[in-house]
């Protein structure tokens, strides 16, 4: 098994959106905000190559929205999931599976594009697509709070392809990867726990999107059920310390991975590193 973190987007997010009730006087110690109160973030996807499968976890924003949409996100030009895949010698057609942690636009948008006729079509033409059944139902019948994060042109081509697989909780379609469902950020978010040699690597999705979100109260205000997020996080962090998990962060521009330790202040990050720097 080989694991490759791949960058789909470098962009910015309002610091308040990232850290919720935590005041700027605290989070600004770790994230420098610009004049618009925006902090640097990324969308770090994960490519898993195992046996004959090339599994891509999340894909980033894509380019289907208008200029205004991307301008307010201060997205860095020239970066995309396809560019990052090309840097490791792969094309969209090489990908056998695309696993979505959830279906918010910044995680699923690049799975489809507009063709020359202006119709949305799938980018990864040879891939099976995977999402949780509960998240899919949540996305196609969006609640008012999350409606702006779900787009018909992201979802309809996946369904029309005949290659969309909706997972009931507990279904495990991949060898050496255990999929667990968390519901605090959005209903039915899938988090993959990857058995990579002698370590378990966890791709955190928006469950714990940055290293700075590790403390229990640091729950983004976008989470639909913050108290559920807190309970899920407490349980996960305890297990992560006991089992020495490696965490991969989707939205942390400065920290790709970390391990955790128990301290007097609770569970905190221990070492921060790039996945390529360690032996797994």
C-alpha atoms as a PDB file:
ATOM      1  CA  UNK A   1       0.000   0.000   0.000  1.00  0.00           C
ATOM      2  CA  UNK A   2       1.199   3.500  -0.889  1.00  0.00           C
ATOM      3  CA  UNK A   3      -0.336   6.744   0.377  1.00  0.00           C
ATOM      4  CA  UNK A   4       0.034  10.100  -1.358  1.00  0.00           C
ATOM      5  CA  UNK A   5      -1.459  13.307   0.088  1.00  0.00           C
ATOM      6  CA  UNK A   6      -2.426  15.424  -2.941  1.00  0.00           C
ATOM      7  CA  UNK A   7      -3.413  19.088  -2.926  1.00  0.00           C
ATOM      8  CA  UNK A   8      -6.605  20.026  -4.772  1.00  0.00           C
ATOM      9  CA  UNK A   9      -6.862  23.679  -3.698  1.00  0.00           C
ATOM     10  CA  UNK A  10      -5.031  26.319  -1.700  1.00  0.00           C
ATOM     11  CA  UNK A  11      -7.504  28.974  -0.591  1.00  0.00           C
ATOM     12  CA  UNK A  12      -8.670  31.054   2.376  1.00  0.00           C
ATOM     13  CA  UNK A  13     -11.443  30.864   4.930  1.00  0.00           C
ATOM     14  CA  UNK A  14     -12.740  33.305   7.503  1.00  0.00           C
ATOM     15  CA  UNK A  15     -11.078  32.484  10.814  1.00  0.00           C
ATOM     16  CA  UNK A  16     -14.407  32.590  12.611  1.00  0.00           C
ATOM     17  CA  UNK A  17     -15.771  29.941  10.244  1.00  0.00           C
ATOM     18  CA  UNK A  18     -12.840  27.685  11.146  1.00  0.00           C
ATOM     19  CA  UNK A  19     -13.002  27.997  14.923  1.00  0.00           C
ATOM     20  CA  UNK A  20     -16.504  29.003  15.960  1.00  0.00           C
ATOM     21  CA  UNK A  21     -16.847  30.107  19.577  1.00  0.00           C
ATOM     22  CA  UNK A  22     -13.067  30.201  20.080  1.00  0.00           C
ATOM     23  CA  UNK A  23     -12.071  33.907  20.077  1.00  0.00           C
ATOM     24  CA  UNK A  24      -9.645  35.342  17.553  1.00  0.00           C
ATOM     25  CA  UNK A  25      -7.270  36.292  20.389  1.00  0.00           C
ATOM     26  CA  UNK A  26      -6.656  32.555  20.829  1.00  0.00           C
ATOM     27  CA  UNK A  27      -6.793  31.082  17.309  1.00  0.00           C
ATOM     28  CA  UNK A  28      -4.683  33.906  15.859  1.00  0.00           C
ATOM     29  CA  UNK A  29      -1.724  32.579  17.852  1.00  0.00           C
ATOM     30  CA  UNK A  30      -1.614  29.709  15.362  1.00  0.00           C
ATOM     31  CA  UNK A  31      -3.164  31.176  12.198  1.00  0.00           C
ATOM     32  CA  UNK A  32      -2.309  34.628  10.889  1.00  0.00           C
ATOM     33  CA  UNK A  33      -5.394  36.382   9.506  1.00  0.00           C
ATOM     34  CA  UNK A  34      -5.252  38.889   6.663  1.00  0.00           C
ATOM     35  CA  UNK A  35      -7.141  42.187   6.503  1.00  0.00           C
ATOM     36  CA  UNK A  36     -10.306  40.276   5.596  1.00  0.00           C
ATOM     37  CA  UNK A  37      -9.964  38.054   8.687  1.00  0.00           C
ATOM     38  CA  UNK A  38      -9.175  35.130   6.356  1.00  0.00           C
ATOM     39  CA  UNK A  39      -6.629  32.413   7.113  1.00  0.00           C
ATOM     40  CA  UNK A  40      -4.719  30.155   4.717  1.00  0.00           C
ATOM     41  CA  UNK A  41      -6.188  26.703   4.286  1.00  0.00           C
ATOM     42  CA  UNK A  42      -5.827  23.899   1.782  1.00  0.00           C
ATOM     43  CA  UNK A  43      -7.819  20.969   0.463  1.00  0.00           C
ATOM     44  CA  UNK A  44      -5.539  17.985   0.928  1.00  0.00           C
ATOM     45  CA  UNK A  45      -6.953  14.855  -0.637  1.00  0.00           C
ATOM     46  CA  UNK A  46      -5.494  11.368  -0.285  1.00  0.00           C
ATOM     47  CA  UNK A  47      -4.524   8.863  -2.972  1.00  0.00           C
ATOM     48  CA  UNK A  48      -4.356   5.253  -1.806  1.00  0.00           C
ATOM     49  CA  UNK A  49      -2.682   2.774  -4.145  1.00  0.00           C
ATOM     50  CA  UNK A  50      -3.315  -0.797  -3.072  1.00  0.00           C
ATOM     51  CA  UNK A  51      -3.058  -3.867  -5.282  1.00  0.00           C
ATOM     52  CA  UNK A  52      -4.863  -2.915  -8.512  1.00  0.00           C
ATOM     53  CA  UNK A  53      -6.876  -0.049  -7.017  1.00  0.00           C
ATOM     54  CA  UNK A  54      -6.123   3.654  -7.033  1.00  0.00           C
ATOM     55  CA  UNK A  55      -8.513   5.169  -4.506  1.00  0.00           C
ATOM     56  CA  UNK A  56      -8.853   8.937  -4.310  1.00  0.00           C
ATOM     57  CA  UNK A  57     -10.395  10.315  -1.117  1.00  0.00           C
ATOM     58  CA  UNK A  58     -12.100  13.670  -1.839  1.00  0.00           C
ATOM     59  CA  UNK A  59     -11.308  15.811  -4.890  1.00  0.00           C
ATOM     60  CA  UNK A  60     -11.589  19.530  -4.081  1.00  0.00           C
ATOM     61  CA  UNK A  61     -13.557  22.459  -5.476  1.00  0.00           C
ATOM     62  CA  UNK A  62     -13.223  22.057  -9.243  1.00  0.00           C
ATOM     63  CA  UNK A  63     -13.979  24.988 -11.529  1.00  0.00           C
ATOM     64  CA  UNK A  64     -17.720  24.931 -12.302  1.00  0.00           C
ATOM     65  CA  UNK A  65     -18.686  28.027 -10.277  1.00  0.00           C
ATOM     66  CA  UNK A  66     -18.481  31.654 -11.408  1.00  0.00           C
ATOM     67  CA  UNK A  67     -15.554  34.010 -10.797  1.00  0.00           C
ATOM     68  CA  UNK A  68     -17.235  35.642  -7.798  1.00  0.00           C
ATOM     69  CA  UNK A  69     -17.548  32.285  -6.038  1.00  0.00           C
ATOM     70  CA  UNK A  70     -13.810  31.628  -6.263  1.00  0.00           C
ATOM     71  CA  UNK A  71     -12.780  35.248  -5.684  1.00  0.00           C
ATOM     72  CA  UNK A  72     -14.233  35.318  -2.170  1.00  0.00           C
ATOM     73  CA  UNK A  73     -12.326  32.107  -1.435  1.00  0.00           C
ATOM     74  CA  UNK A  74      -9.028  33.652  -2.629  1.00  0.00           C
ATOM     75  CA  UNK A  75      -8.163  30.434  -4.399  1.00  0.00           C
ATOM     76  CA  UNK A  76      -4.575  30.148  -5.604  1.00  0.00           C
ATOM     77  CA  UNK A  77      -4.482  29.689  -9.404  1.00  0.00           C
ATOM     78  CA  UNK A  78      -2.793  26.793 -11.143  1.00  0.00           C
ATOM     79  CA  UNK A  79      -3.551  24.172  -8.487  1.00  0.00           C
ATOM     80  CA  UNK A  80      -6.080  21.376  -8.953  1.00  0.00           C
ATOM     81  CA  UNK A  81      -6.516  17.716  -8.182  1.00  0.00           C
ATOM     82  CA  UNK A  82      -5.649  16.822 -11.796  1.00  0.00           C
ATOM     83  CA  UNK A  83      -2.433  18.870 -11.696  1.00  0.00           C
ATOM     84  CA  UNK A  84      -1.417  17.176  -8.437  1.00  0.00           C
ATOM     85  CA  UNK A  85      -2.175  13.714  -9.819  1.00  0.00           C
ATOM     86  CA  UNK A  86      -0.100  14.509 -12.912  1.00  0.00           C
ATOM     87  CA  UNK A  87       2.857  15.325 -10.675  1.00  0.00           C
ATOM     88  CA  UNK A  88       2.881  11.694  -9.526  1.00  0.00           C
ATOM     89  CA  UNK A  89       2.352  10.376 -13.049  1.00  0.00           C
ATOM     90  CA  UNK A  90      -1.397   9.721 -13.048  1.00  0.00           C
ATOM     91  CA  UNK A  91      -4.415  10.986 -14.951  1.00  0.00           C
ATOM     92  CA  UNK A  92      -8.098  11.037 -14.032  1.00  0.00           C
ATOM     93  CA  UNK A  93      -8.581   7.864 -16.084  1.00  0.00           C
ATOM     94  CA  UNK A  94      -6.153   5.942 -13.831  1.00  0.00           C
ATOM     95  CA  UNK A  95      -8.355   6.377 -10.755  1.00  0.00           C
ATOM     96  CA  UNK A  96     -10.427   3.276  -9.984  1.00  0.00           C
ATOM     97  CA  UNK A  97     -12.384   4.626  -7.008  1.00  0.00           C
ATOM     98  CA  UNK A  98     -13.361   8.039  -5.639  1.00  0.00           C
ATOM     99  CA  UNK A  99     -14.445   8.006  -1.995  1.00  0.00           C
ATOM    100  CA  UNK A 100     -16.202  11.126  -0.732  1.00  0.00           C
ATOM    101  CA  UNK A 101     -15.986  11.837   2.975  1.00  0.00           C
ATOM    102  CA  UNK A 102     -19.053  14.018   2.353  1.00  0.00           C
ATOM    103  CA  UNK A 103     -20.645  15.983  -0.455  1.00  0.00           C
ATOM    104  CA  UNK A 104     -19.935  19.622   0.378  1.00  0.00           C
ATOM    105  CA  UNK A 105     -18.698  21.506  -2.682  1.00  0.00           C
ATOM    106  CA  UNK A 106     -15.080  21.840  -1.531  1.00  0.00           C
ATOM    107  CA  UNK A 107     -14.812  18.049  -1.241  1.00  0.00           C
ATOM    108  CA  UNK A 108     -16.778  16.856  -4.279  1.00  0.00           C
ATOM    109  CA  UNK A 109     -16.830  19.728  -6.813  1.00  0.00           C
ATOM    110  CA  UNK A 110     -13.900  18.552  -8.936  1.00  0.00           C
ATOM    111  CA  UNK A 111     -15.531  15.154  -9.568  1.00  0.00           C
ATOM    112  CA  UNK A 112     -17.573  16.765 -12.347  1.00  0.00           C
ATOM    113  CA  UNK A 113     -16.974  19.436 -14.970  1.00  0.00           C
ATOM    114  CA  UNK A 114     -18.856  21.180 -17.758  1.00  0.00           C
ATOM    115  CA  UNK A 115     -18.255  19.729 -21.224  1.00  0.00           C
ATOM    116  CA  UNK A 116     -18.237  21.665 -24.490  1.00  0.00           C
ATOM    117  CA  UNK A 117     -22.048  21.571 -24.542  1.00  0.00           C
ATOM    118  CA  UNK A 118     -22.247  23.098 -21.075  1.00  0.00           C
ATOM    119  CA  UNK A 119     -23.453  19.854 -19.496  1.00  0.00           C
ATOM    120  CA  UNK A 120     -21.984  18.531 -16.262  1.00  0.00           C
ATOM    121  CA  UNK A 121     -20.134  15.239 -16.679  1.00  0.00           C
ATOM    122  CA  UNK A 122     -17.937  12.976 -14.562  1.00  0.00           C
ATOM    123  CA  UNK A 123     -14.187  13.670 -14.570  1.00  0.00           C
ATOM    124  CA  UNK A 124     -13.050  10.237 -13.372  1.00  0.00           C
ATOM    125  CA  UNK A 125     -14.580   8.143 -16.141  1.00  0.00           C
ATOM    126  CA  UNK A 126     -13.259   4.763 -15.013  1.00  0.00           C
ATOM    127  CA  UNK A 127     -13.920   5.207 -11.288  1.00  0.00           C
ATOM    128  CA  UNK A 128     -16.542   3.835  -8.993  1.00  0.00           C
ATOM    129  CA  UNK A 129     -17.905   6.603  -6.764  1.00  0.00           C
ATOM    130  CA  UNK A 130     -18.584   5.993  -3.068  1.00  0.00           C
ATOM    131  CA  UNK A 131     -20.546   8.005  -0.494  1.00  0.00           C
ATOM    132  CA  UNK A 132     -22.596   7.129   2.537  1.00  0.00           C
ATOM    133  CA  UNK A 133     -26.279   6.579   1.896  1.00  0.00           C
ATOM    134  CA  UNK A 134     -27.218   8.889   4.755  1.00  0.00           C
ATOM    135  CA  UNK A 135     -25.024  11.714   3.394  1.00  0.00           C
ATOM    136  CA  UNK A 136     -26.459  11.294  -0.110  1.00  0.00           C
ATOM    137  CA  UNK A 137     -30.020  11.511   1.201  1.00  0.00           C
ATOM    138  CA  UNK A 138     -28.991  14.555   3.237  1.00  0.00           C
ATOM    139  CA  UNK A 139     -27.419  16.228   0.182  1.00  0.00           C
ATOM    140  CA  UNK A 140     -30.290  15.722  -2.271  1.00  0.00           C
ATOM    141  CA  UNK A 141     -32.816  16.949   0.315  1.00  0.00           C
ATOM    142  CA  UNK A 142     -30.710  19.738   1.844  1.00  0.00           C
ATOM    143  CA  UNK A 143     -31.604  21.555   5.011  1.00  0.00           C
ATOM    144  CA  UNK A 144     -31.581  25.384   4.971  1.00  0.00           C
ATOM    145  CA  UNK A 145     -28.308  25.583   6.889  1.00  0.00           C
ATOM    146  CA  UNK A 146     -26.285  23.424   4.485  1.00  0.00           C
ATOM    147  CA  UNK A 147     -28.137  24.072   1.236  1.00  0.00           C
ATOM    148  CA  UNK A 148     -25.459  26.414  -0.126  1.00  0.00           C
ATOM    149  CA  UNK A 149     -22.816  23.669   0.172  1.00  0.00           C
ATOM    150  CA  UNK A 150     -24.666  21.089  -1.979  1.00  0.00           C
ATOM    151  CA  UNK A 151     -24.942  21.515  -5.764  1.00  0.00           C
ATOM    152  CA  UNK A 152     -27.100  19.567  -8.206  1.00  0.00           C
ATOM    153  CA  UNK A 153     -24.375  19.647 -10.880  1.00  0.00           C
ATOM    154  CA  UNK A 154     -21.983  17.932  -8.452  1.00  0.00           C
ATOM    155  CA  UNK A 155     -24.400  15.113  -7.682  1.00  0.00           C
ATOM    156  CA  UNK A 156     -26.578  14.379 -10.712  1.00  0.00           C
ATOM    157  CA  UNK A 157     -23.721  13.244 -13.031  1.00  0.00           C
ATOM    158  CA  UNK A 158     -22.505  10.816 -10.359  1.00  0.00           C
ATOM    159  CA  UNK A 159     -25.926   9.213 -10.140  1.00  0.00           C
ATOM    160  CA  UNK A 160     -26.414   9.236 -13.926  1.00  0.00           C
ATOM    161  CA  UNK A 161     -23.066   7.487 -14.455  1.00  0.00           C
ATOM    162  CA  UNK A 162     -24.365   4.239 -12.986  1.00  0.00           C
ATOM    163  CA  UNK A 163     -21.164   4.064 -10.938  1.00  0.00           C
ATOM    164  CA  UNK A 164     -22.406   5.645  -7.723  1.00  0.00           C
ATOM    165  CA  UNK A 165     -22.293   3.304  -4.724  1.00  0.00           C
ATOM    166  CA  UNK A 166     -24.182   4.323  -1.589  1.00  0.00           C
ATOM    167  CA  UNK A 167     -22.848   2.740   1.571  1.00  0.00           C
ATOM    168  CA  UNK A 168     -24.960   1.779   4.522  1.00  0.00           C
ATOM    169  CA  UNK A 169     -23.151   2.186   7.836  1.00  0.00           C
ATOM    170  CA  UNK A 170     -20.882  -0.808   8.438  1.00  0.00           C
ATOM    171  CA  UNK A 171     -20.315  -1.659   4.775  1.00  0.00           C
ATOM    172  CA  UNK A 172     -16.600  -2.057   3.998  1.00  0.00           C
ATOM    173  CA  UNK A 173     -15.777  -2.206   0.268  1.00  0.00           C
ATOM    174  CA  UNK A 174     -11.998  -1.730   0.528  1.00  0.00           C
ATOM    175  CA  UNK A 175      -9.272  -4.044   1.805  1.00  0.00           C
ATOM    176  CA  UNK A 176      -7.304  -2.690   4.792  1.00  0.00           C
ATOM    177  CA  UNK A 177      -9.529   0.403   5.015  1.00  0.00           C
ATOM    178  CA  UNK A 178     -12.219   0.677   7.669  1.00  0.00           C
ATOM    179  CA  UNK A 179     -14.882   3.302   7.014  1.00  0.00           C
ATOM    180  CA  UNK A 180     -16.510   4.917  10.046  1.00  0.00           C
ATOM    181  CA  UNK A 181     -19.414   7.352   9.994  1.00  0.00           C
ATOM    182  CA  UNK A 182     -19.512  10.607  11.984  1.00  0.00           C
ATOM    183  CA  UNK A 183     -22.549  12.871  12.080  1.00  0.00           C
ATOM    184  CA  UNK A 184     -21.561  16.089  13.842  1.00  0.00           C
ATOM    185  CA  UNK A 185     -20.245  18.074  10.861  1.00  0.00           C
ATOM    186  CA  UNK A 186     -22.852  16.757   8.451  1.00  0.00           C
ATOM    187  CA  UNK A 187     -25.024  13.663   8.451  1.00  0.00           C
ATOM    188  CA  UNK A 188     -23.152  10.568   7.313  1.00  0.00           C
ATOM    189  CA  UNK A 189     -19.589  11.841   6.947  1.00  0.00           C
ATOM    190  CA  UNK A 190     -17.247   8.922   6.182  1.00  0.00           C
ATOM    191  CA  UNK A 191     -13.804   8.859   7.799  1.00  0.00           C
ATOM    192  CA  UNK A 192     -11.382   6.201   6.464  1.00  0.00           C
ATOM    193  CA  UNK A 193      -9.063   4.393   8.894  1.00  0.00           C
ATOM    194  CA  UNK A 194      -6.260   2.952   6.768  1.00  0.00           C
ATOM    195  CA  UNK A 195      -4.242  -0.053   7.914  1.00  0.00           C
ATOM    196  CA  UNK A 196      -0.906   0.870   6.351  1.00  0.00           C
ATOM    197  CA  UNK A 197       1.693  -1.623   7.456  1.00  0.00           C
ATOM    198  CA  UNK A 198       2.313  -1.228  11.170  1.00  0.00           C
ATOM    199  CA  UNK A 199       0.290   1.996  11.610  1.00  0.00           C
ATOM    200  CA  UNK A 200      -3.262   3.210  11.275  1.00  0.00           C
ATOM    201  CA  UNK A 201      -3.558   6.388   9.208  1.00  0.00           C
ATOM    202  CA  UNK A 202      -6.805   8.346   9.553  1.00  0.00           C
ATOM    203  CA  UNK A 203      -7.888  10.848   6.900  1.00  0.00           C
ATOM    204  CA  UNK A 204      -9.768  13.353   9.022  1.00  0.00           C
ATOM    205  CA  UNK A 205     -12.068  15.032   6.489  1.00  0.00           C
ATOM    206  CA  UNK A 206     -14.045  17.795   8.162  1.00  0.00           C
ATOM    207  CA  UNK A 207     -14.321  15.799  11.384  1.00  0.00           C
ATOM    208  CA  UNK A 208     -11.110  17.458  12.657  1.00  0.00           C
ATOM    209  CA  UNK A 209     -10.101  19.620   9.672  1.00  0.00           C
ATOM    210  CA  UNK A 210      -6.879  21.161  11.070  1.00  0.00           C
ATOM    211  CA  UNK A 211      -4.402  20.455  13.832  1.00  0.00           C
ATOM    212  CA  UNK A 212      -5.736  23.542  15.620  1.00  0.00           C
ATOM    213  CA  UNK A 213      -9.202  21.939  15.780  1.00  0.00           C
ATOM    214  CA  UNK A 214      -7.979  19.123  18.026  1.00  0.00           C
ATOM    215  CA  UNK A 215      -9.045  20.718  21.363  1.00  0.00           C
ATOM    216  CA  UNK A 216     -12.547  19.593  22.297  1.00  0.00           C
ATOM    217  CA  UNK A 217     -14.279  23.039  22.111  1.00  0.00           C
ATOM    218  CA  UNK A 218     -12.704  23.968  18.744  1.00  0.00           C
ATOM    219  CA  UNK A 219     -15.698  22.946  16.657  1.00  0.00           C
ATOM    220  CA  UNK A 220     -16.337  24.845  13.403  1.00  0.00           C
ATOM    221  CA  UNK A 221     -19.691  26.669  13.357  1.00  0.00           C
ATOM    222  CA  UNK A 222     -20.501  24.904  10.070  1.00  0.00           C
ATOM    223  CA  UNK A 223     -21.043  21.681  12.033  1.00  0.00           C
ATOM    224  CA  UNK A 224     -24.758  20.953  12.075  1.00  0.00           C
ATOM    225  CA  UNK A 225     -24.626  19.199  15.471  1.00  0.00           C
ATOM    226  CA  UNK A 226     -21.790  20.755  17.515  1.00  0.00           C
ATOM    227  CA  UNK A 227     -22.557  18.745  20.646  1.00  0.00           C
ATOM    228  CA  UNK A 228     -22.467  15.561  18.583  1.00  0.00           C
ATOM    229  CA  UNK A 229     -19.129  16.712  17.128  1.00  0.00           C
ATOM    230  CA  UNK A 230     -17.762  17.191  20.637  1.00  0.00           C
ATOM    231  CA  UNK A 231     -18.863  13.740  21.789  1.00  0.00           C
ATOM    232  CA  UNK A 232     -17.504  12.099  18.626  1.00  0.00           C
ATOM    233  CA  UNK A 233     -14.220  13.949  18.987  1.00  0.00           C
ATOM    234  CA  UNK A 234     -13.761  12.985  22.626  1.00  0.00           C
ATOM    235  CA  UNK A 235     -14.223   9.307  21.856  1.00  0.00           C
ATOM    236  CA  UNK A 236     -11.958   9.437  18.801  1.00  0.00           C
ATOM    237  CA  UNK A 237      -9.116  11.304  20.515  1.00  0.00           C
ATOM    238  CA  UNK A 238      -9.005   8.794  23.351  1.00  0.00           C
ATOM    239  CA  UNK A 239      -8.690   5.928  20.866  1.00  0.00           C
ATOM    240  CA  UNK A 240      -6.179   7.857  18.728  1.00  0.00           C
ATOM    241  CA  UNK A 241      -3.800   8.261  21.674  1.00  0.00           C
ATOM    242  CA  UNK A 242      -4.170   4.646  22.796  1.00  0.00           C
ATOM    243  CA  UNK A 243      -3.629   3.255  19.293  1.00  0.00           C
ATOM    244  CA  UNK A 244      -1.079   5.833  18.112  1.00  0.00           C
ATOM    245  CA  UNK A 245      -3.011   6.871  15.016  1.00  0.00           C
ATOM    246  CA  UNK A 246      -1.483   9.128  12.366  1.00  0.00           C
ATOM    247  CA  UNK A 247      -3.927  11.913  11.494  1.00  0.00           C
ATOM    248  CA  UNK A 248      -3.968  13.482   8.007  1.00  0.00           C
ATOM    249  CA  UNK A 249      -5.604  16.931   7.897  1.00  0.00           C
ATOM    250  CA  UNK A 250      -7.644  18.012   4.894  1.00  0.00           C
ATOM    251  CA  UNK A 251      -7.658  21.773   5.507  1.00  0.00           C
ATOM    252  CA  UNK A 252      -4.445  22.528   7.418  1.00  0.00           C
ATOM    253  CA  UNK A 253      -2.085  24.480   5.153  1.00  0.00           C
ATOM    254  CA  UNK A 254       0.858  24.186   7.570  1.00  0.00           C
ATOM    255  CA  UNK A 255       0.464  20.704   9.062  1.00  0.00           C
ATOM    256  CA  UNK A 256      -0.048  17.638   6.904  1.00  0.00           C
ATOM    257  CA  UNK A 257      -0.032  14.975   9.624  1.00  0.00           C
ATOM    258  CA  UNK A 258       0.402  14.548  13.353  1.00  0.00           C
ATOM    259  CA  UNK A 259       0.289  12.079  16.180  1.00  0.00           C
ATOM    260  CA  UNK A 260      -1.304  12.745  19.569  1.00  0.00           C
ATOM    261  CA  UNK A 261      -0.375  12.521  23.239  1.00  0.00           C
ATOM    262  CA  UNK A 262      -2.287  12.831  26.483  1.00  0.00           C
ATOM    263  CA  UNK A 263      -1.270  15.922  28.456  1.00  0.00           C
ATOM    264  CA  UNK A 264      -2.449  17.703  31.582  1.00  0.00           C
ATOM    265  CA  UNK A 265      -4.565  19.897  29.286  1.00  0.00           C
ATOM    266  CA  UNK A 266      -6.123  16.926  27.511  1.00  0.00           C
ATOM    267  CA  UNK A 267      -5.202  15.344  24.197  1.00  0.00           C
ATOM    268  CA  UNK A 268      -2.832  17.506  22.178  1.00  0.00           C
ATOM    269  CA  UNK A 269      -0.719  17.175  19.045  1.00  0.00           C
ATOM    270  CA  UNK A 270       2.635  15.526  19.583  1.00  0.00           C
ATOM    271  CA  UNK A 271       4.706  15.497  16.391  1.00  0.00           C
ATOM    272  CA  UNK A 272       3.714  17.254  13.171  1.00  0.00           C
ATOM    273  CA  UNK A 273       5.234  15.922   9.950  1.00  0.00           C
ATOM    274  CA  UNK A 274       4.714  15.011   6.312  1.00  0.00           C
ATOM    275  CA  UNK A 275       3.593  11.463   5.644  1.00  0.00           C
ATOM    276  CA  UNK A 276       6.570  10.950   3.322  1.00  0.00           C
ATOM    277  CA  UNK A 277       8.960  11.616   6.222  1.00  0.00           C
ATOM    278  CA  UNK A 278       8.016   8.521   8.210  1.00  0.00           C
ATOM    279  CA  UNK A 279       8.183   4.785   7.681  1.00  0.00           C
ATOM    280  CA  UNK A 280       4.801   3.026   7.732  1.00  0.00           C
END
